[in-house]
C-alpha atoms as a PDB file:
ATOM      1  CA  UNK A   1      -0.079  -0.033   0.093  1.00  0.00           C
ATOM      2  CA  UNK A   2       2.665   2.697   0.834  1.00  0.00           C
ATOM      3  CA  UNK A   3       5.309   0.716  -0.640  1.00  0.00           C
ATOM      4  CA  UNK A   4       5.693   1.149  -4.672  1.00  0.00           C
ATOM      5  CA  UNK A   5       6.871  -1.592  -6.692  1.00  0.00           C
ATOM      6  CA  UNK A   6      10.494  -1.187  -7.527  1.00  0.00           C
ATOM      7  CA  UNK A   7      11.197  -1.803 -11.263  1.00  0.00           C
ATOM      8  CA  UNK A   8      14.511  -2.442 -12.796  1.00  0.00           C
ATOM      9  CA  UNK A   9      16.125   0.382 -15.013  1.00  0.00           C
ATOM     10  CA  UNK A  10      17.021  -0.021 -18.438  1.00  0.00           C
ATOM     11  CA  UNK A  11      21.014  -0.626 -18.478  1.00  0.00           C
ATOM     12  CA  UNK A  12      22.765   2.323 -19.674  1.00  0.00           C
ATOM     13  CA  UNK A  13      25.093   1.415 -22.685  1.00  0.00           C
ATOM     14  CA  UNK A  14      28.480   1.080 -21.765  1.00  0.00           C
ATOM     15  CA  UNK A  15      30.723   4.093 -23.455  1.00  0.00           C
ATOM     16  CA  UNK A  16      34.532   4.081 -24.504  1.00  0.00           C
ATOM     17  CA  UNK A  17      36.032   3.957 -21.021  1.00  0.00           C
ATOM     18  CA  UNK A  18      39.723   3.373 -22.127  1.00  0.00           C
ATOM     19  CA  UNK A  19      42.594   4.835 -20.301  1.00  0.00           C
ATOM     20  CA  UNK A  20      40.217   7.359 -18.001  1.00  0.00           C
ATOM     21  CA  UNK A  21      39.307   4.319 -16.372  1.00  0.00           C
ATOM     22  CA  UNK A  22      42.645   3.146 -15.616  1.00  0.00           C
ATOM     23  CA  UNK A  23      44.239   6.423 -14.905  1.00  0.00           C
ATOM     24  CA  UNK A  24      43.603   6.711 -10.842  1.00  0.00           C
ATOM     25  CA  UNK A  25      45.171   2.892 -10.782  1.00  0.00           C
ATOM     26  CA  UNK A  26      48.219   4.310 -12.777  1.00  0.00           C
ATOM     27  CA  UNK A  27      48.693   7.549 -10.790  1.00  0.00           C
ATOM     28  CA  UNK A  28      48.317   5.483  -7.682  1.00  0.00           C
ATOM     29  CA  UNK A  29      50.979   3.031  -8.786  1.00  0.00           C
ATOM     30  CA  UNK A  30      53.389   5.853  -9.599  1.00  0.00           C
ATOM     31  CA  UNK A  31      52.945   7.535  -6.381  1.00  0.00           C
ATOM     32  CA  UNK A  32      53.658   4.152  -4.707  1.00  0.00           C
ATOM     33  CA  UNK A  33      56.882   3.825  -6.591  1.00  0.00           C
ATOM     34  CA  UNK A  34      58.140   7.308  -6.071  1.00  0.00           C
ATOM     35  CA  UNK A  35      57.248   7.630  -2.411  1.00  0.00           C
ATOM     36  CA  UNK A  36      57.832   4.222  -1.135  1.00  0.00           C
ATOM     37  CA  UNK A  37      59.936   1.914  -3.368  1.00  0.00           C
ATOM     38  CA  UNK A  38      62.457   4.163  -4.658  1.00  0.00           C
ATOM     39  CA  UNK A  39      63.463   5.839  -1.512  1.00  0.00           C
ATOM     40  CA  UNK A  40      63.566   2.394   0.452  1.00  0.00           C
ATOM     41  CA  UNK A  41      65.823   0.810  -2.247  1.00  0.00           C
ATOM     42  CA  UNK A  42      68.217   4.095  -2.239  1.00  0.00           C
ATOM     43  CA  UNK A  43      68.549   3.420   1.369  1.00  0.00           C
ATOM     44  CA  UNK A  44      69.342  -0.261   1.139  1.00  0.00           C
ATOM     45  CA  UNK A  45      72.068   0.786  -1.661  1.00  0.00           C
ATOM     46  CA  UNK A  46      73.755   3.127   1.121  1.00  0.00           C
ATOM     47  CA  UNK A  47      73.441   0.702   3.781  1.00  0.00           C
ATOM     48  CA  UNK A  48      75.178  -1.980   1.712  1.00  0.00           C
ATOM     49  CA  UNK A  49      77.756   0.718   0.787  1.00  0.00           C
ATOM     50  CA  UNK A  50      78.434   1.454   4.217  1.00  0.00           C
ATOM     51  CA  UNK A  51      78.589  -2.072   5.517  1.00  0.00           C
ATOM     52  CA  UNK A  52      81.286  -3.019   3.060  1.00  0.00           C
ATOM     53  CA  UNK A  53      83.143   0.150   3.754  1.00  0.00           C
ATOM     54  CA  UNK A  54      83.455  -0.579   7.437  1.00  0.00           C
ATOM     55  CA  UNK A  55      87.021  -0.741   8.872  1.00  0.00           C
ATOM     56  CA  UNK A  56      88.717  -1.001  12.288  1.00  0.00           C
ATOM     57  CA  UNK A  57      88.142   2.242  14.440  1.00  0.00           C
ATOM     58  CA  UNK A  58      84.623   3.225  12.879  1.00  0.00           C
ATOM     59  CA  UNK A  59      82.133   3.849  15.477  1.00  0.00           C
ATOM     60  CA  UNK A  60      78.532   2.288  14.947  1.00  0.00           C
ATOM     61  CA  UNK A  61      75.387   1.619  16.141  1.00  0.00           C
ATOM     62  CA  UNK A  62      73.855  -2.071  15.886  1.00  0.00           C
ATOM     63  CA  UNK A  63      70.271  -2.795  15.607  1.00  0.00           C
ATOM     64  CA  UNK A  64      70.083  -3.773  19.456  1.00  0.00           C
ATOM     65  CA  UNK A  65      71.267  -0.211  20.248  1.00  0.00           C
ATOM     66  CA  UNK A  66      74.624  -0.853  21.298  1.00  0.00           C
ATOM     67  CA  UNK A  67      77.253   1.925  20.323  1.00  0.00           C
ATOM     68  CA  UNK A  68      80.735   0.540  19.772  1.00  0.00           C
ATOM     69  CA  UNK A  69      84.090   0.729  17.987  1.00  0.00           C
ATOM     70  CA  UNK A  70      84.784  -1.828  15.433  1.00  0.00           C
ATOM     71  CA  UNK A  71      87.895  -3.818  16.340  1.00  0.00           C
ATOM     72  CA  UNK A  72      88.114  -6.457  13.785  1.00  0.00           C
ATOM     73  CA  UNK A  73      86.349  -7.147  10.393  1.00  0.00           C
ATOM     74  CA  UNK A  74      85.524 -10.539   9.451  1.00  0.00           C
ATOM     75  CA  UNK A  75      83.642 -11.740   6.182  1.00  0.00           C
ATOM     76  CA  UNK A  76      80.323 -11.673   7.803  1.00  0.00           C
ATOM     77  CA  UNK A  77      80.850 -10.438  11.201  1.00  0.00           C
ATOM     78  CA  UNK A  78      82.558  -7.583  12.859  1.00  0.00           C
ATOM     79  CA  UNK A  79      83.875  -7.476  16.290  1.00  0.00           C
ATOM     80  CA  UNK A  80      82.814  -4.485  18.206  1.00  0.00           C
ATOM     81  CA  UNK A  81      84.360  -2.875  21.177  1.00  0.00           C
ATOM     82  CA  UNK A  82      81.786  -2.006  23.344  1.00  0.00           C
ATOM     83  CA  UNK A  83      83.926  -0.564  26.703  1.00  0.00           C
ATOM     84  CA  UNK A  84      87.441  -1.437  27.762  1.00  0.00           C
ATOM     85  CA  UNK A  85      88.135  -5.126  27.472  1.00  0.00           C
ATOM     86  CA  UNK A  86      84.259  -5.735  26.427  1.00  0.00           C
ATOM     87  CA  UNK A  87      84.329  -6.869  22.958  1.00  0.00           C
ATOM     88  CA  UNK A  88      81.161  -8.735  20.923  1.00  0.00           C
ATOM     89  CA  UNK A  89      80.805 -10.154  17.630  1.00  0.00           C
ATOM     90  CA  UNK A  90      77.883  -9.186  15.514  1.00  0.00           C
ATOM     91  CA  UNK A  91      76.686  -9.885  12.339  1.00  0.00           C
ATOM     92  CA  UNK A  92      77.067  -6.991   9.586  1.00  0.00           C
ATOM     93  CA  UNK A  93      73.697  -6.910   8.597  1.00  0.00           C
ATOM     94  CA  UNK A  94      72.799  -5.923  12.315  1.00  0.00           C
ATOM     95  CA  UNK A  95      74.580  -2.584  12.000  1.00  0.00           C
ATOM     96  CA  UNK A  96      72.355   0.176  11.508  1.00  0.00           C
ATOM     97  CA  UNK A  97      74.405   3.373  11.460  1.00  0.00           C
ATOM     98  CA  UNK A  98      78.301   4.686  11.400  1.00  0.00           C
ATOM     99  CA  UNK A  99      78.593   7.329  13.771  1.00  0.00           C
ATOM    100  CA  UNK A 100      81.009  10.296  13.404  1.00  0.00           C
ATOM    101  CA  UNK A 101      84.351   9.988  14.723  1.00  0.00           C
ATOM    102  CA  UNK A 102      84.619  11.060  18.723  1.00  0.00           C
ATOM    103  CA  UNK A 103      80.891  10.210  19.168  1.00  0.00           C
ATOM    104  CA  UNK A 104      81.814   7.638  21.771  1.00  0.00           C
ATOM    105  CA  UNK A 105      83.581   9.921  23.593  1.00  0.00           C
ATOM    106  CA  UNK A 106      81.198  12.594  24.029  1.00  0.00           C
ATOM    107  CA  UNK A 107      78.288  10.134  25.358  1.00  0.00           C
ATOM    108  CA  UNK A 108      80.477   8.756  28.250  1.00  0.00           C
END
């Protein structure tokens, strides 16, 4: 009585479409590349170059937060002197950053 009958409308003919339908997807993919993938790969390259350039005497920060001086460099590992007579061996992949010379003295 108060509810009218619902009739299906005639389907509208599909028009052209083409590139305009995919344009938002293309823009989203380009933004994803430039804002996420490209900076991440650039950072990975810089980190790899930094790890390959490690040498004795460099001051580093590990993933665990330890700050120390490189005392020995092996193929996959690095000996890190955390304090006088305290040395640990860590994987090169766990090194996050190289600190400027003299940072350890300014912290203590």
